[in-house]
N, C-alpha and C. Protein backbone atom coordinates (compact mmCIF):
# COMPACT_ATOMS: atom_id res chain seq x y z
N UNK A 1 201.29 -38.63 104.58
CA UNK A 1 200.31 -38.35 103.55
C UNK A 1 198.89 -38.51 104.10
N UNK A 2 198.66 -39.59 104.92
CA UNK A 2 197.35 -39.81 105.50
C UNK A 2 196.99 -38.66 106.43
N UNK A 3 197.98 -38.20 107.18
CA UNK A 3 197.75 -37.10 108.13
C UNK A 3 197.38 -35.83 107.37
N UNK A 4 198.05 -35.58 106.24
CA UNK A 4 197.78 -34.39 105.43
C UNK A 4 196.36 -34.47 104.85
N UNK A 5 195.97 -35.63 104.33
CA UNK A 5 194.63 -35.81 103.78
C UNK A 5 193.57 -35.65 104.87
N UNK A 6 193.85 -36.14 106.06
CA UNK A 6 192.90 -36.01 107.17
C UNK A 6 192.73 -34.54 107.55
N UNK A 7 193.82 -33.79 107.57
CA UNK A 7 193.75 -32.36 107.88
C UNK A 7 192.97 -31.60 106.81
N UNK A 8 193.19 -31.94 105.56
CA UNK A 8 192.46 -31.29 104.46
C UNK A 8 190.98 -31.61 104.57
N UNK A 9 190.67 -32.86 104.87
CA UNK A 9 189.26 -33.28 105.04
C UNK A 9 188.62 -32.56 106.20
N UNK A 10 189.31 -32.44 107.31
CA UNK A 10 188.77 -31.75 108.48
C UNK A 10 188.57 -30.27 108.18
N UNK A 11 189.53 -29.64 107.53
CA UNK A 11 189.41 -28.22 107.19
C UNK A 11 188.23 -27.99 106.25
N UNK A 12 188.07 -28.87 105.26
CA UNK A 12 186.95 -28.75 104.33
C UNK A 12 185.62 -28.88 105.06
N UNK A 13 185.55 -29.86 105.96
CA UNK A 13 184.31 -30.07 106.72
C UNK A 13 183.99 -28.85 107.58
N UNK A 14 185.00 -28.26 108.19
CA UNK A 14 184.78 -27.08 109.03
C UNK A 14 184.36 -25.87 108.21
N UNK A 15 184.89 -25.76 107.00
CA UNK A 15 184.52 -24.64 106.13
C UNK A 15 183.10 -24.79 105.60
N UNK A 16 182.68 -26.02 105.36
CA UNK A 16 181.34 -26.27 104.81
C UNK A 16 180.26 -26.34 105.89
N UNK A 17 180.66 -26.49 107.14
CA UNK A 17 179.69 -26.61 108.23
C UNK A 17 178.69 -25.46 108.28
N UNK A 18 179.11 -24.20 108.16
CA UNK A 18 178.12 -23.12 108.19
C UNK A 18 177.12 -23.20 107.05
N UNK A 19 177.52 -23.77 105.93
CA UNK A 19 176.61 -23.87 104.80
C UNK A 19 175.56 -24.96 104.98
N UNK A 20 175.87 -25.94 105.81
CA UNK A 20 174.94 -27.05 106.00
C UNK A 20 174.27 -27.01 107.37
N UNK A 21 174.67 -26.08 108.21
CA UNK A 21 174.08 -25.98 109.55
C UNK A 21 172.63 -25.52 109.44
N UNK A 22 171.98 -25.44 110.56
CA UNK A 22 170.56 -25.09 110.62
C UNK A 22 170.23 -23.94 109.68
N UNK A 23 169.31 -24.22 108.77
CA UNK A 23 168.86 -23.20 107.83
C UNK A 23 167.51 -22.68 108.28
N UNK A 24 167.41 -21.38 108.43
CA UNK A 24 166.18 -20.74 108.89
C UNK A 24 165.18 -20.67 107.74
N UNK A 25 163.97 -21.19 107.97
CA UNK A 25 162.94 -21.11 106.94
C UNK A 25 162.49 -19.66 106.79
N UNK A 26 161.85 -19.37 105.68
CA UNK A 26 161.38 -18.00 105.46
C UNK A 26 160.32 -17.62 106.48
N UNK A 27 159.51 -18.60 106.92
CA UNK A 27 158.50 -18.34 107.94
C UNK A 27 159.15 -18.03 109.29
N UNK A 28 160.21 -18.79 109.63
CA UNK A 28 160.93 -18.52 110.88
C UNK A 28 161.61 -17.16 110.83
N UNK A 29 162.16 -16.83 109.66
CA UNK A 29 162.80 -15.52 109.48
C UNK A 29 161.78 -14.40 109.68
N UNK A 30 160.59 -14.56 109.08
CA UNK A 30 159.54 -13.55 109.21
C UNK A 30 159.14 -13.37 110.67
N UNK A 31 158.96 -14.47 111.38
CA UNK A 31 158.58 -14.39 112.80
C UNK A 31 159.67 -13.70 113.61
N UNK A 32 160.90 -14.05 113.33
CA UNK A 32 162.02 -13.43 114.05
C UNK A 32 162.10 -11.93 113.76
N UNK A 33 161.97 -11.56 112.49
CA UNK A 33 162.07 -10.15 112.12
C UNK A 33 160.92 -9.33 112.71
N UNK A 34 159.72 -9.89 112.73
CA UNK A 34 158.58 -9.18 113.32
C UNK A 34 158.81 -8.96 114.80
N UNK A 35 159.28 -9.98 115.48
CA UNK A 35 159.55 -9.88 116.92
C UNK A 35 160.65 -8.85 117.19
N UNK A 36 161.73 -8.91 116.41
CA UNK A 36 162.84 -7.98 116.60
C UNK A 36 162.40 -6.54 116.33
N UNK A 37 161.58 -6.34 115.29
CA UNK A 37 161.10 -5.00 114.98
C UNK A 37 160.29 -4.45 116.16
N UNK A 38 159.38 -5.26 116.66
CA UNK A 38 158.54 -4.83 117.78
C UNK A 38 159.37 -4.50 119.00
N UNK A 39 160.32 -5.36 119.33
CA UNK A 39 161.17 -5.13 120.51
C UNK A 39 162.03 -3.89 120.36
N UNK A 40 162.49 -3.63 119.16
CA UNK A 40 163.42 -2.52 118.94
C UNK A 40 162.72 -1.18 118.73
N UNK A 41 161.58 -1.16 118.02
CA UNK A 41 161.00 0.11 117.60
C UNK A 41 159.63 0.44 118.19
N UNK A 42 158.92 -0.52 118.72
CA UNK A 42 157.54 -0.28 119.12
C UNK A 42 157.39 0.00 120.60
N UNK A 43 156.46 0.84 120.97
CA UNK A 43 155.63 1.62 120.06
C UNK A 43 156.45 2.72 119.39
N UNK A 44 156.13 2.98 118.14
CA UNK A 44 156.84 4.02 117.41
C UNK A 44 156.30 5.38 117.86
N UNK A 45 157.05 6.44 117.63
CA UNK A 45 156.52 7.78 117.93
C UNK A 45 155.31 8.06 117.03
N UNK A 46 154.40 8.87 117.52
CA UNK A 46 153.22 9.26 116.72
C UNK A 46 153.69 10.15 115.58
N UNK A 47 153.27 9.77 114.36
CA UNK A 47 153.60 10.56 113.17
C UNK A 47 152.36 10.56 112.29
N UNK A 48 151.92 11.75 111.91
CA UNK A 48 150.71 11.90 111.10
C UNK A 48 149.50 11.21 111.75
N UNK A 49 149.44 11.28 113.06
CA UNK A 49 148.30 10.73 113.79
C UNK A 49 148.28 9.22 113.90
N UNK A 50 149.41 8.58 113.66
CA UNK A 50 149.44 7.12 113.81
C UNK A 50 150.70 6.66 114.51
N UNK A 51 150.55 5.55 115.21
CA UNK A 51 151.66 4.96 115.94
C UNK A 51 151.57 3.45 115.75
N UNK A 52 152.67 2.81 115.38
CA UNK A 52 152.69 1.35 115.28
C UNK A 52 152.97 0.80 116.67
N UNK A 53 152.01 0.01 117.17
CA UNK A 53 152.15 -0.57 118.51
C UNK A 53 152.97 -1.84 118.50
N UNK A 54 152.76 -2.65 117.46
CA UNK A 54 153.52 -3.90 117.35
C UNK A 54 153.32 -4.50 115.97
N UNK A 55 154.19 -5.47 115.69
CA UNK A 55 154.08 -6.25 114.47
C UNK A 55 154.29 -7.70 114.87
N UNK A 56 153.43 -8.57 114.38
CA UNK A 56 153.57 -10.00 114.65
C UNK A 56 153.53 -10.76 113.32
N UNK A 57 153.82 -12.04 113.40
CA UNK A 57 153.74 -12.88 112.22
C UNK A 57 153.05 -14.18 112.59
N UNK A 58 152.06 -14.56 111.80
CA UNK A 58 151.35 -15.83 111.99
C UNK A 58 151.84 -16.82 110.95
N UNK A 59 152.56 -17.84 111.42
CA UNK A 59 153.13 -18.84 110.50
C UNK A 59 152.05 -19.62 109.77
N UNK A 60 150.97 -19.97 110.47
CA UNK A 60 149.96 -20.82 109.84
C UNK A 60 149.27 -20.16 108.66
N UNK A 61 149.15 -18.82 108.68
CA UNK A 61 148.51 -18.11 107.57
C UNK A 61 149.51 -17.30 106.74
N UNK A 62 150.78 -17.34 107.13
CA UNK A 62 151.84 -16.57 106.47
C UNK A 62 151.44 -15.09 106.37
N UNK A 63 151.04 -14.54 107.53
CA UNK A 63 150.54 -13.17 107.57
C UNK A 63 151.30 -12.32 108.58
N UNK A 64 151.80 -11.18 108.11
CA UNK A 64 152.33 -10.15 108.99
C UNK A 64 151.13 -9.35 109.50
N UNK A 65 151.10 -9.07 110.79
CA UNK A 65 150.02 -8.30 111.39
C UNK A 65 150.60 -7.00 111.96
N UNK A 66 150.10 -5.89 111.46
CA UNK A 66 150.53 -4.58 111.93
C UNK A 66 149.43 -4.00 112.80
N UNK A 67 149.75 -3.71 114.06
CA UNK A 67 148.79 -3.13 114.99
C UNK A 67 149.13 -1.66 115.16
N UNK A 68 148.19 -0.81 114.76
CA UNK A 68 148.43 0.64 114.71
C UNK A 68 147.34 1.34 115.51
N UNK A 69 147.72 2.38 116.25
CA UNK A 69 146.76 3.22 116.95
C UNK A 69 146.72 4.58 116.28
N UNK A 70 145.50 5.05 116.03
CA UNK A 70 145.31 6.37 115.42
C UNK A 70 144.93 7.38 116.49
N UNK A 71 145.37 8.61 116.28
CA UNK A 71 145.05 9.68 117.23
C UNK A 71 144.82 10.98 116.47
N UNK A 72 144.31 11.96 117.19
CA UNK A 72 144.07 13.26 116.58
C UNK A 72 143.10 13.18 115.42
N UNK A 73 143.38 13.93 114.36
CA UNK A 73 142.50 13.97 113.20
C UNK A 73 142.40 12.63 112.48
N UNK A 74 143.42 11.78 112.60
CA UNK A 74 143.40 10.47 111.95
C UNK A 74 142.41 9.52 112.62
N UNK A 75 142.08 9.80 113.87
CA UNK A 75 141.15 8.96 114.64
C UNK A 75 139.72 9.39 114.32
N UNK A 76 139.30 9.09 113.10
CA UNK A 76 138.00 9.55 112.60
C UNK A 76 137.32 8.39 111.86
N UNK A 77 136.42 7.65 112.53
CA UNK A 77 135.78 6.49 111.92
C UNK A 77 135.03 6.79 110.63
N UNK A 78 134.39 7.94 110.55
CA UNK A 78 133.61 8.30 109.36
C UNK A 78 134.56 8.48 108.16
N UNK A 79 135.63 9.23 108.35
CA UNK A 79 136.59 9.46 107.27
C UNK A 79 137.27 8.16 106.84
N UNK A 80 137.59 7.31 107.80
CA UNK A 80 138.23 6.04 107.46
C UNK A 80 137.29 5.15 106.65
N UNK A 81 136.04 5.08 107.06
CA UNK A 81 135.06 4.26 106.33
C UNK A 81 134.86 4.78 104.91
N UNK A 82 134.80 6.10 104.79
CA UNK A 82 134.58 6.73 103.49
C UNK A 82 135.77 6.51 102.55
N UNK A 83 136.96 6.42 103.12
CA UNK A 83 138.19 6.31 102.30
C UNK A 83 138.86 4.94 102.39
N UNK A 84 138.12 3.92 102.79
CA UNK A 84 138.72 2.60 103.00
C UNK A 84 139.42 2.07 101.75
N UNK A 85 138.78 2.20 100.60
CA UNK A 85 139.38 1.70 99.36
C UNK A 85 140.68 2.44 99.04
N UNK A 86 140.69 3.75 99.21
CA UNK A 86 141.88 4.54 98.95
C UNK A 86 143.01 4.18 99.92
N UNK A 87 142.66 3.98 101.19
CA UNK A 87 143.66 3.60 102.20
C UNK A 87 144.28 2.25 101.83
N UNK A 88 143.43 1.30 101.45
CA UNK A 88 143.92 -0.03 101.07
C UNK A 88 144.84 0.06 99.86
N UNK A 89 144.48 0.89 98.89
CA UNK A 89 145.32 1.08 97.70
C UNK A 89 146.67 1.67 98.09
N UNK A 90 146.67 2.67 98.97
CA UNK A 90 147.92 3.30 99.40
C UNK A 90 148.81 2.32 100.17
N UNK A 91 148.20 1.51 101.05
CA UNK A 91 148.98 0.52 101.79
C UNK A 91 149.57 -0.52 100.83
N UNK A 92 148.77 -0.95 99.88
CA UNK A 92 149.23 -1.93 98.90
C UNK A 92 150.39 -1.37 98.08
N UNK A 93 150.28 -0.13 97.65
CA UNK A 93 151.35 0.51 96.88
C UNK A 93 152.61 0.65 97.74
N UNK A 94 152.43 0.99 99.00
CA UNK A 94 153.57 1.10 99.91
C UNK A 94 154.31 -0.22 100.06
N UNK A 95 153.56 -1.32 100.16
CA UNK A 95 154.18 -2.64 100.25
C UNK A 95 154.92 -2.97 98.95
N UNK A 96 154.29 -2.66 97.83
CA UNK A 96 154.89 -2.95 96.53
C UNK A 96 156.19 -2.17 96.34
N UNK A 97 156.24 -0.94 96.83
CA UNK A 97 157.42 -0.08 96.67
C UNK A 97 158.53 -0.39 97.68
N UNK A 98 158.23 -1.18 98.70
CA UNK A 98 159.20 -1.48 99.76
C UNK A 98 160.01 -2.72 99.40
N UNK A 99 161.30 -2.55 99.09
CA UNK A 99 162.10 -3.71 98.72
C UNK A 99 162.23 -4.74 99.86
N UNK A 100 162.03 -4.31 101.09
CA UNK A 100 162.12 -5.22 102.24
C UNK A 100 161.00 -6.24 102.29
N UNK A 101 159.88 -5.97 101.61
CA UNK A 101 158.76 -6.92 101.63
C UNK A 101 158.74 -7.81 100.39
N UNK A 102 159.60 -7.55 99.42
CA UNK A 102 159.55 -8.29 98.16
C UNK A 102 159.68 -9.79 98.34
N UNK A 103 160.64 -10.23 99.11
CA UNK A 103 160.84 -11.68 99.30
C UNK A 103 159.59 -12.32 99.90
N UNK A 104 158.92 -11.61 100.77
CA UNK A 104 157.70 -12.15 101.38
C UNK A 104 156.54 -12.14 100.39
N UNK A 105 156.39 -11.05 99.66
CA UNK A 105 155.32 -10.99 98.65
C UNK A 105 155.51 -12.07 97.59
N UNK A 106 156.75 -12.28 97.18
CA UNK A 106 157.06 -13.30 96.17
C UNK A 106 156.76 -14.71 96.66
N UNK A 107 156.71 -14.88 97.98
CA UNK A 107 156.44 -16.20 98.57
C UNK A 107 155.01 -16.32 99.08
N UNK A 108 154.12 -15.43 98.64
CA UNK A 108 152.70 -15.55 98.96
C UNK A 108 152.30 -15.10 100.35
N UNK A 109 153.11 -14.30 101.00
CA UNK A 109 152.77 -13.82 102.34
C UNK A 109 151.71 -12.72 102.24
N UNK A 110 150.98 -12.52 103.32
CA UNK A 110 149.95 -11.48 103.40
C UNK A 110 150.35 -10.45 104.45
N UNK A 111 149.73 -9.29 104.36
CA UNK A 111 150.00 -8.20 105.28
C UNK A 111 148.65 -7.69 105.79
N UNK A 112 148.45 -7.80 107.10
CA UNK A 112 147.18 -7.42 107.71
C UNK A 112 147.40 -6.17 108.56
N UNK A 113 146.54 -5.19 108.35
CA UNK A 113 146.60 -3.94 109.09
C UNK A 113 145.38 -3.83 109.98
N UNK A 114 145.60 -3.57 111.26
CA UNK A 114 144.53 -3.36 112.22
C UNK A 114 144.77 -1.99 112.85
N UNK A 115 143.90 -1.03 112.52
CA UNK A 115 144.02 0.33 113.02
C UNK A 115 142.96 0.56 114.09
N UNK A 116 143.42 0.96 115.27
CA UNK A 116 142.51 1.16 116.39
C UNK A 116 142.47 2.63 116.80
N UNK A 117 141.42 2.95 117.50
CA UNK A 117 141.17 4.32 117.96
C UNK A 117 141.83 4.59 119.31
N UNK A 118 142.29 5.82 119.48
CA UNK A 118 142.75 6.27 120.79
C UNK A 118 141.56 6.77 121.59
N UNK A 119 140.65 7.48 120.92
CA UNK A 119 139.48 8.05 121.59
C UNK A 119 138.57 6.96 122.16
N UNK A 120 138.33 5.93 121.36
CA UNK A 120 137.48 4.81 121.78
C UNK A 120 138.38 3.60 121.96
N UNK A 121 139.07 3.57 123.06
CA UNK A 121 140.11 2.57 123.33
C UNK A 121 139.73 1.17 122.86
N UNK A 122 140.57 0.62 121.98
CA UNK A 122 140.39 -0.73 121.50
C UNK A 122 139.48 -0.89 120.29
N UNK A 123 138.73 0.12 119.94
CA UNK A 123 137.81 0.01 118.81
C UNK A 123 138.60 -0.05 117.50
N UNK A 124 138.30 -1.07 116.68
CA UNK A 124 138.96 -1.22 115.39
C UNK A 124 138.27 -0.30 114.39
N UNK A 125 139.04 0.62 113.81
CA UNK A 125 138.52 1.59 112.86
C UNK A 125 138.71 1.14 111.41
N UNK A 126 139.71 0.31 111.19
CA UNK A 126 140.02 -0.13 109.83
C UNK A 126 140.79 -1.45 109.95
N UNK A 127 140.45 -2.37 109.07
CA UNK A 127 141.19 -3.63 109.02
C UNK A 127 141.18 -4.12 107.58
N UNK A 128 142.33 -4.54 107.12
CA UNK A 128 142.45 -5.06 105.75
C UNK A 128 143.60 -6.03 105.66
N UNK A 129 143.45 -7.02 104.78
CA UNK A 129 144.52 -7.95 104.47
C UNK A 129 144.92 -7.70 103.03
N UNK A 130 146.20 -7.47 102.84
CA UNK A 130 146.73 -7.18 101.51
C UNK A 130 147.66 -8.32 101.12
N UNK A 131 147.43 -8.82 99.93
CA UNK A 131 148.25 -9.96 99.44
C UNK A 131 149.28 -9.49 98.44
């Protein structure tokens, strides 16, 4: 009987171990997912004059950082400055419509976009933080 109880106890402990083992925080998950996305997909192919170079996550500010390079007609500082509010609204709507960002938005995370020029290497053409 003691042997049977010991086996049941051991089996229960082994079954519950995955539930109590290291739990990844949402910040750690975000950092891991940003790194995996960058390693797997970046740089992305140019589409509509933009290419995502990388995505990072800053734990201290709970911010996803999207680094994008613009080319062709999209690489236009005057047009970007003139339409900054509209661009920010579109990015915000895109985040709101993306079910993959919901858990992060619900936990107060931010999304920062840094768009740089191809023509003027390294020049930041647009930057915004969306909450």
